[in-house]
Protein backbone atom coordinates (compact mmCIF):
# COMPACT_ATOMS: atom_id res chain seq x y z
CA MET A 1 -23.70 4.28 157.29
CA GLN A 2 -21.24 1.80 155.79
CA ARG A 3 -21.19 -1.85 155.00
CA SER A 4 -18.81 -4.59 153.94
CA PRO A 5 -18.45 -5.58 150.24
CA ARG A 6 -19.60 -8.87 148.84
CA LYS A 7 -18.20 -10.74 145.85
CA SER A 8 -21.40 -10.21 143.79
CA ASP A 9 -21.35 -6.41 144.19
CA THR A 10 -21.56 -4.06 141.31
CA PHE A 11 -20.68 -0.47 142.16
CA SER A 12 -21.61 2.83 140.65
CA ASN A 13 -18.78 5.17 139.90
CA ARG A 14 -19.92 7.41 142.85
CA GLN A 15 -19.74 4.45 145.21
CA ALA A 16 -16.30 3.59 143.87
CA ARG A 17 -15.16 7.19 144.61
CA ARG A 18 -16.41 6.93 148.17
CA ILE A 19 -14.66 3.67 148.73
CA ALA A 20 -11.47 5.11 147.40
CA LEU A 21 -11.74 8.28 149.47
CA ALA A 22 -12.56 6.39 152.66
CA ALA A 23 -9.59 4.05 152.12
CA GLN A 24 -7.31 7.06 151.54
CA GLY A 25 -8.30 8.61 154.90
CA PHE A 26 -10.64 11.36 153.60
CA GLY A 27 -13.87 12.31 155.30
CA GLY A 28 -12.61 12.58 158.84
CA ALA A 29 -12.49 15.73 160.98
CA ARG A 30 -9.87 18.29 160.12
CA SER A 31 -8.87 21.07 162.36
CA THR A 32 -6.64 24.18 162.45
CA ALA A 33 -5.36 22.98 165.86
CA LYS A 34 -2.16 21.09 165.47
CA ALA A 35 -2.67 17.35 165.13
CA THR A 36 -0.70 15.04 167.45
CA TRP A 37 1.98 12.80 165.98
CA PRO A 38 -0.07 9.53 166.57
CA THR A 39 -2.80 11.07 164.31
CA VAL A 40 -0.25 11.85 161.61
CA GLU A 41 1.28 8.38 161.89
CA ARG A 42 -2.11 6.68 161.54
CA THR A 43 -2.62 8.56 158.25
CA LEU A 44 0.86 7.72 156.95
CA ARG A 45 0.49 4.07 157.82
CA ARG A 46 -2.80 3.94 155.89
CA LEU A 47 -1.03 5.29 152.79
CA SER A 48 2.19 3.21 153.28
CA LEU A 49 4.37 5.79 151.51
CA LEU A 50 4.88 9.40 150.75
CA GLN A 51 6.27 10.35 147.28
CA LEU A 52 9.23 12.69 147.40
CA ASP A 53 9.77 15.38 144.80
CA SER A 54 12.16 18.37 144.49
CA VAL A 55 9.50 20.89 143.45
CA SER A 56 8.90 23.33 146.31
CA VAL A 57 7.03 26.17 144.83
CA LEU A 58 4.45 25.79 147.61
CA VAL A 59 6.03 23.22 150.03
CA ARG A 60 7.77 19.92 149.48
CA SER A 61 5.16 17.41 148.17
CA HIS A 62 5.66 14.80 150.98
CA TYR A 63 4.23 17.18 153.53
CA LEU A 64 0.93 17.67 151.70
CA PRO A 65 -0.91 14.27 151.85
CA ALA A 66 -1.18 14.21 155.68
CA TYR A 67 -2.31 17.83 155.68
CA ALA A 68 -4.96 17.09 153.03
CA ARG A 69 -6.46 14.45 155.35
CA ILE A 70 -6.06 15.68 158.85
CA GLY A 71 -5.28 19.44 158.61
CA HIS A 72 -2.62 21.34 160.57
CA TYR A 73 0.36 19.32 161.82
CA ASP A 74 3.98 19.87 162.57
CA MET A 75 6.11 19.24 159.50
CA GLY A 76 9.21 19.23 161.73
CA GLY A 77 7.92 16.01 163.35
CA LEU A 78 7.90 14.32 159.95
CA ASP A 79 11.39 15.62 159.22
CA ARG A 80 12.79 14.27 162.56
CA ARG A 81 11.19 10.79 162.00
CA GLY A 82 11.90 10.58 158.38
CA PHE A 83 15.26 12.16 158.04
CA GLY A 84 16.68 12.45 161.55
CA ALA A 85 19.16 10.11 163.17
CA LYS A 86 17.63 9.86 166.66
CA ARG A 87 13.94 9.19 166.13
CA ARG A 88 13.95 7.50 162.73
CA GLU A 89 10.71 5.74 161.87
CA TYR A 90 10.88 5.99 158.05
CA PHE A 91 13.42 5.22 155.28
CA GLU A 92 13.85 6.28 151.72
CA TYR A 93 13.67 4.05 148.79
CA TRP A 94 12.24 3.63 145.28
CA ALA A 95 8.67 2.52 145.92
CA HIS A 96 6.18 4.39 143.72
CA GLU A 97 8.90 6.83 142.80
CA ALA A 98 11.45 8.15 145.28
CA SER A 99 9.41 7.63 148.50
CA LEU A 100 9.47 7.79 152.28
CA LEU A 101 8.20 4.56 153.79
CA PRO A 102 7.63 3.14 157.34
CA LEU A 103 10.68 1.20 158.53
CA HIS A 104 8.82 -2.09 158.96
CA LEU A 105 8.30 -2.24 155.19
CA GLN A 106 12.03 -2.28 154.43
CA PRO A 107 12.22 -6.15 154.15
CA LEU A 108 9.46 -6.04 151.42
CA PHE A 109 11.83 -4.18 149.14
CA ARG A 110 14.92 -6.27 149.53
CA TRP A 111 14.08 -8.26 146.43
CA ARG A 112 14.14 -4.95 144.43
CA MET A 113 17.51 -4.13 146.00
CA ALA A 114 18.86 -7.44 144.95
CA GLU A 115 17.57 -7.06 141.44
CA ALA A 116 19.13 -3.57 141.24
CA ALA A 117 22.47 -4.94 142.49
CA ALA A 118 22.34 -7.52 139.62
CA GLY A 119 21.62 -4.73 137.08
CA ARG A 120 17.98 -5.78 136.60
CA ASN A 121 14.68 -3.76 137.04
CA ILE A 122 16.73 -0.63 137.31
CA TYR A 123 17.12 2.37 134.99
CA SER A 124 19.30 1.12 132.21
CA GLY A 125 21.76 4.02 132.44
CA LEU A 126 22.48 3.24 136.08
CA ALA A 127 22.93 -0.46 135.35
CA GLU A 128 25.34 0.41 132.44
CA PHE A 129 27.33 2.87 134.63
CA ALA A 130 27.68 0.29 137.32
CA ARG A 131 29.04 -2.31 134.90
CA ASP A 132 31.40 0.14 133.10
CA GLN A 133 32.54 2.02 136.29
CA ASN A 134 32.63 -0.89 138.84
CA ASN A 135 35.96 0.14 140.23
CA TYR A 136 34.79 3.72 140.74
CA VAL A 137 31.48 2.60 142.31
CA GLU A 138 33.42 0.44 144.78
CA ALA A 139 35.87 3.34 145.58
CA VAL A 140 32.81 5.53 146.30
CA LEU A 141 31.52 2.89 148.67
CA ARG A 142 34.93 2.55 150.42
CA GLU A 143 35.00 6.36 150.89
CA ILE A 144 31.68 6.29 152.74
CA VAL A 145 32.85 3.35 154.84
CA GLU A 146 35.94 5.34 155.89
CA ARG A 147 34.69 8.90 156.06
CA GLY A 148 31.08 8.35 157.14
CA PRO A 149 27.99 10.08 155.72
CA LEU A 150 28.58 12.10 152.54
CA SER A 151 26.62 14.02 149.99
CA ALA A 152 27.54 13.59 146.33
CA ARG A 153 29.48 16.87 146.23
CA GLU A 154 31.48 15.90 149.26
CA LEU A 155 33.10 12.98 147.50
CA SER A 156 36.87 13.33 146.89
CA ASP A 157 36.35 12.69 143.20
CA PRO A 158 32.71 13.67 142.30
CA GLY A 159 33.40 14.18 138.68
CA LYS A 160 31.84 16.84 136.38
CA ARG A 161 28.15 17.43 135.78
CA ASN A 162 27.85 16.11 132.20
CA GLY A 163 25.98 12.87 132.44
CA PRO A 164 22.50 12.00 131.12
CA TRP A 165 20.94 11.71 134.54
CA TRP A 166 19.58 15.24 135.18
CA GLY A 167 23.08 16.56 134.85
CA TRP A 168 24.42 14.11 137.57
CA HIS A 169 28.10 13.85 137.89
CA LYS A 170 29.58 10.44 138.17
CA GLY A 171 29.70 10.56 141.99
CA LYS A 172 26.00 11.11 142.18
CA THR A 173 25.35 8.37 139.69
CA ALA A 174 27.45 5.94 141.64
CA LEU A 175 25.71 6.83 144.95
CA GLU A 176 22.25 6.38 143.33
CA TYR A 177 23.14 2.98 142.01
CA LEU A 178 24.40 2.00 145.56
CA PHE A 179 21.12 3.49 146.94
CA TRP A 180 18.97 1.32 144.54
CA ALA A 181 21.01 -1.69 145.42
CA GLY A 182 20.42 -1.07 149.17
CA ARG A 183 24.05 -0.76 150.05
CA VAL A 184 23.63 2.83 151.15
CA THR A 185 20.61 4.83 152.20
CA THR A 186 19.67 8.32 153.25
CA ALA A 187 21.29 9.30 156.49
CA GLU A 188 19.82 12.77 156.52
CA ARG A 189 18.83 15.62 154.07
CA ARG A 190 20.40 19.06 154.21
CA GLY A 191 17.85 21.23 152.70
CA PHE A 192 16.72 18.68 150.19
CA GLU A 193 20.19 17.34 149.38
CA ARG A 194 20.47 13.68 150.14
CA VAL A 195 23.34 12.59 152.43
CA TYR A 196 24.28 8.92 152.13
CA ASP A 197 25.64 6.36 154.57
CA LEU A 198 25.85 2.62 154.79
CA THR A 199 22.49 1.12 155.33
CA GLU A 200 23.63 -0.86 158.35
CA ARG A 201 24.72 2.38 160.04
CA VAL A 202 21.43 4.14 159.39
CA LEU A 203 18.61 1.60 159.87
CA PRO A 204 17.91 0.20 163.33
CA GLU A 205 19.30 -3.20 164.13
CA GLU A 206 15.79 -4.62 164.74
CA ILE A 207 14.83 -3.73 161.19
CA LEU A 208 18.00 -5.16 159.65
CA ASP A 209 17.49 -8.40 161.60
CA LEU A 210 13.97 -8.99 160.23
CA PRO A 211 13.83 -12.00 157.86
CA THR A 212 13.98 -11.39 154.12
CA PRO A 213 10.75 -12.71 152.52
CA ALA A 214 10.84 -14.56 149.18
CA PRO A 215 10.18 -12.11 146.31
CA ALA A 216 6.65 -13.57 145.56
CA ASP A 217 5.75 -13.20 149.25
CA ALA A 218 6.99 -9.60 149.43
CA GLN A 219 5.11 -8.72 146.20
CA ARG A 220 1.92 -10.26 147.54
CA ALA A 221 2.26 -8.17 150.70
CA LEU A 222 2.78 -5.01 148.61
CA ILE A 223 -0.23 -5.66 146.49
CA SER A 224 -2.30 -6.21 149.63
CA LEU A 225 -1.09 -2.91 151.06
CA ALA A 226 -1.88 -1.18 147.79
CA ALA A 227 -5.41 -2.56 147.84
CA GLN A 228 -5.94 -1.36 151.31
CA ALA A 229 -4.73 2.07 150.44
CA LEU A 230 -6.63 2.48 147.21
CA GLY A 231 -9.91 0.95 148.24
CA VAL A 232 -11.07 0.01 144.80
CA ALA A 233 -8.57 -0.53 141.96
CA THR A 234 -7.75 -2.44 138.84
CA GLN A 235 -4.82 -4.76 138.61
CA ALA A 236 -2.93 -1.99 136.73
CA ASP A 237 -3.71 0.45 139.64
CA LEU A 238 -2.48 -2.04 142.24
CA ARG A 239 0.64 -2.65 140.32
CA ASP A 240 1.35 1.05 139.94
CA TYR A 241 1.21 1.83 143.61
CA PHE A 242 4.56 0.18 144.33
CA ARG A 243 5.64 0.04 140.63
CA LEU A 244 5.82 -3.82 140.65
CA PRO A 245 6.82 -5.91 137.65
CA LEU A 246 3.82 -6.75 135.38
CA ASP A 247 3.98 -10.60 135.83
CA ALA A 248 4.73 -10.39 139.49
CA ALA A 249 1.71 -8.17 140.08
CA ALA A 250 -0.62 -10.39 138.07
CA ARG A 251 0.53 -13.46 140.12
CA ALA A 252 0.10 -11.63 143.37
CA VAL A 253 -3.43 -10.41 142.59
CA SER A 254 -4.41 -13.97 141.47
CA ASP A 255 -3.06 -15.46 144.72
CA LEU A 256 -4.81 -12.93 146.88
CA VAL A 257 -8.13 -13.52 145.03
CA ASP A 258 -7.70 -17.26 145.65
CA ALA A 259 -7.05 -16.57 149.34
CA GLY A 260 -10.14 -14.47 149.60
CA GLU A 261 -8.24 -11.28 150.50
CA LEU A 262 -9.08 -9.50 147.26
CA LEU A 263 -12.65 -9.53 145.99
CA PRO A 264 -13.24 -9.09 142.25
CA MET A 265 -15.94 -6.51 141.52
CA THR A 266 -17.58 -4.59 138.70
CA VAL A 267 -17.60 -0.81 138.61
CA GLU A 268 -19.80 1.18 136.27
CA ASN A 269 -18.04 2.27 133.11
CA TRP A 270 -14.75 0.52 134.05
CA ARG A 271 -13.46 -1.80 131.37
CA GLN A 272 -11.25 -3.81 133.72
CA THR A 273 -12.20 -5.91 136.70
CA ALA A 274 -11.94 -3.96 140.00
CA TYR A 275 -10.53 -5.34 143.23
CA LEU A 276 -11.34 -4.58 146.80
CA HIS A 277 -9.55 -5.68 149.92
CA ARG A 278 -11.86 -7.75 152.14
CA GLU A 279 -11.60 -5.20 154.92
CA SER A 280 -12.69 -2.35 152.75
CA ARG A 281 -15.84 -0.45 153.75
CA ILE A 282 -18.49 1.35 151.56
CA PRO A 283 -19.47 4.58 153.17
CA GLY A 284 -22.87 6.01 152.53
CA ARG A 285 -21.39 9.43 152.04
CA ILE A 286 -18.05 11.29 152.16
CA VAL A 287 -17.64 14.88 153.27
CA ALA A 288 -14.09 15.98 152.36
CA THR A 289 -12.43 19.29 151.58
CA ALA A 290 -8.79 19.39 150.48
CA LEU A 291 -6.27 20.74 148.02
CA LEU A 292 -4.20 17.83 146.69
CA SER A 293 -0.50 17.61 145.90
CA PRO A 294 0.15 16.52 142.28
CA PHE A 295 1.85 13.57 143.98
CA ASP A 296 -1.01 12.57 146.30
CA PRO A 297 -1.74 8.82 146.14
CA LEU A 298 -5.41 9.68 145.39
CA VAL A 299 -4.52 11.30 142.06
CA TRP A 300 -0.93 10.30 141.05
CA GLU A 301 -2.21 7.61 138.65
CA ARG A 302 -3.78 9.89 136.06
CA ALA A 303 -5.86 7.21 134.24
CA ARG A 304 -7.39 6.12 137.57
CA THR A 305 -8.07 9.81 138.42
CA GLU A 306 -9.94 10.23 135.17
CA ARG A 307 -11.85 6.94 135.61
CA LEU A 308 -12.90 7.76 139.23
CA PHE A 309 -13.48 11.57 139.02
CA GLU A 310 -13.92 12.29 135.38
CA PHE A 311 -10.98 14.70 135.90
CA HIS A 312 -8.29 14.98 133.27
CA TYR A 313 -5.06 15.94 135.13
CA ARG A 314 -1.55 16.38 133.81
CA LEU A 315 1.55 17.95 135.34
CA GLU A 316 2.68 21.08 133.56
CA PHE A 317 5.97 21.66 135.45
CA TYR A 318 8.01 20.76 132.40
CA THR A 319 5.74 22.32 129.78
CA PRO A 320 6.89 25.63 128.39
CA GLU A 321 4.98 28.43 129.92
CA PRO A 322 3.11 29.49 126.77
CA LYS A 323 1.78 26.05 126.39
CA ARG A 324 0.51 25.54 129.92
CA LYS A 325 -3.29 25.27 130.18
CA PHE A 326 -3.65 25.75 133.91
CA GLY A 327 -0.30 26.67 135.45
CA TYR A 328 2.94 25.47 136.93
CA TYR A 329 1.86 23.98 140.28
CA VAL A 330 -1.77 23.01 140.00
CA MET A 331 -3.58 21.33 142.86
CA PRO A 332 -6.88 19.48 142.37
CA PHE A 333 -9.61 20.69 144.73
CA LEU A 334 -11.56 17.94 146.42
CA TRP A 335 -14.95 18.89 147.78
CA GLY A 336 -17.54 16.37 148.94
CA ASP A 337 -16.71 13.28 146.84
CA ARG A 338 -15.69 15.12 143.63
CA LEU A 339 -12.77 17.01 142.21
CA VAL A 340 -14.51 20.35 141.50
CA GLY A 341 -11.57 22.61 140.52
CA ARG A 342 -7.90 23.14 140.17
CA VAL A 343 -5.80 25.89 141.73
CA ASP A 344 -2.38 27.17 140.55
CA VAL A 345 -0.61 28.18 143.77
CA LYS A 346 2.73 29.52 144.90
CA ALA A 347 4.22 30.53 148.28
CA ASP A 348 5.90 33.94 148.29
CA ARG A 349 7.57 33.53 151.65
CA GLY A 350 9.48 36.78 151.53
CA ALA A 351 6.15 38.60 151.28
CA GLY A 352 4.33 36.15 153.61
CA THR A 353 1.80 35.59 150.83
CA LEU A 354 -0.04 32.62 149.33
CA LEU A 355 -0.36 33.45 145.67
CA VAL A 356 -3.36 31.97 143.81
CA LEU A 357 -2.25 32.46 140.24
CA GLY A 358 -5.34 30.69 138.81
CA ALA A 359 -8.47 29.03 140.15
CA TYR A 360 -10.47 26.98 137.70
CA ALA A 361 -13.90 25.34 138.05
CA GLU A 362 -14.80 21.92 136.68
CA PRO A 363 -18.10 21.88 134.69
CA HIS A 364 -20.06 20.00 137.41
CA ALA A 365 -18.88 22.39 140.27
CA HIS A 366 -21.60 24.31 142.23
CA PRO A 367 -20.10 27.76 141.71
CA THR A 368 -21.31 29.46 144.85
CA LYS A 369 -20.79 26.67 147.43
CA ALA A 370 -17.63 25.29 145.88
CA VAL A 371 -15.85 28.73 145.78
CA ALA A 372 -16.85 29.39 149.41
CA ALA A 373 -15.30 26.00 150.41
CA LEU A 374 -12.18 26.75 148.37
CA ALA A 375 -11.75 30.15 150.07
CA GLU A 376 -11.94 28.54 153.50
CA GLU A 377 -9.49 25.86 152.42
CA LEU A 378 -7.05 28.47 151.16
CA ARG A 379 -7.24 30.31 154.55
CA HIS A 380 -6.40 27.12 156.35
CA LEU A 381 -3.48 26.34 153.95
CA ALA A 382 -2.02 29.79 154.35
CA HIS A 383 -2.23 29.52 158.10
CA TRP A 384 -0.55 26.08 158.15
CA LEU A 385 2.32 27.48 155.97
CA GLY A 386 2.69 30.54 158.12
CA LEU A 387 1.64 32.97 155.43
CA SER A 388 -0.34 35.94 156.53
CA HIS A 389 -1.83 37.09 153.20
CA ILE A 390 -3.60 35.58 150.14
CA ARG A 391 -3.44 37.20 146.81
CA VAL A 392 -5.78 35.93 143.97
CA GLY A 393 -4.92 36.50 140.30
CA GLU A 394 -7.12 36.86 137.29
CA ARG A 395 -7.16 33.40 135.70
CA GLY A 396 -10.00 30.93 135.98
CA GLU A 397 -13.72 30.83 136.64
CA PHE A 398 -13.23 30.79 140.46
CA ALA A 399 -10.84 33.75 140.51
CA ARG A 400 -13.20 36.66 140.53
CA PRO A 401 -15.65 35.37 143.31
CA LEU A 402 -12.57 34.01 145.24
CA ARG A 403 -11.07 37.57 145.32
CA GLY A 404 -14.38 38.85 146.70
CA LEU A 405 -14.35 36.34 149.47
CA LEU A 406 -10.69 36.67 150.32
CA SER A 407 -10.32 40.50 149.97
């Protein structure tokens, strides 16, 4: 049972969770049978973007959100449409962070590309490099024009790895500036290495020919997409989805409220006003089971995750091992409409084994039922990743019963 929201609604936190989960595509049927591409595409369109990240201790993060919502699907299909030349349906750009987005959204980011080209709303180090090394940047662009798609290390003068940008050499820094400015984009990825080419040689002509909206119009459209994807959100949550400027996001929210597209609401224990898209639905219940990537849109904004789920979540990738509380790659475990645990996982592909290094229960978790659901979810995950074994370590409240169920 579900209904449409009204302006006068006040929601409990549990109702807010269900709205958010439904908007994010949770609660539908999941299967170990391989989903068709249209099913995958509907899920990705609902989210509007997939965050990219280099950490691959389990699998690259952008593959996981679709799996969490629909179950088994072909990752190669996403590769072909996201990074391939023949069936491209997505493009890469800085949206939330580095992201993969549907092609039709490209015009909505041209204002950001123009800002970057002018040295505004871009990492200060990149803007400074572009100013100080303008001749070199233009030489890199000419080399791509003449030679075609290139990775940073294939440039004739890539420079040494001694800069502040994660050890980038000057060639990589120049290419990333050109990428921000929209002059080049990702032609393909080799492994996870980005190969750059001119944007006009990569994107389809019908996308390039789309009109460029005014910045305010594009930002309103992005806030609307964020509202549809989040279900229930504060202004800060909406702004964070596509990392919009503070003032621009505030104007866009105000305009969409005036237009009746966003409905201001009150949510129990939220200090800020909540907003719903007028097409949002309020489900009577949500039945979901999923392990979530640290970069899943449901949990990537940590303050919102704590507000919705009473779940304090931080990445520990860059924390020295002795100081980690839960582990290196910790996935929140969604069961029903709550986050009931967290699991530190790793894929040992050489041994064909999914390693569960730690499995921790939240205080409100039902121990017997939750651990049974987690065991089943780990079986599905291992199957999808082509791993034939699961080995559970010692850490965490779920570890011992999980070993019993998976032995």
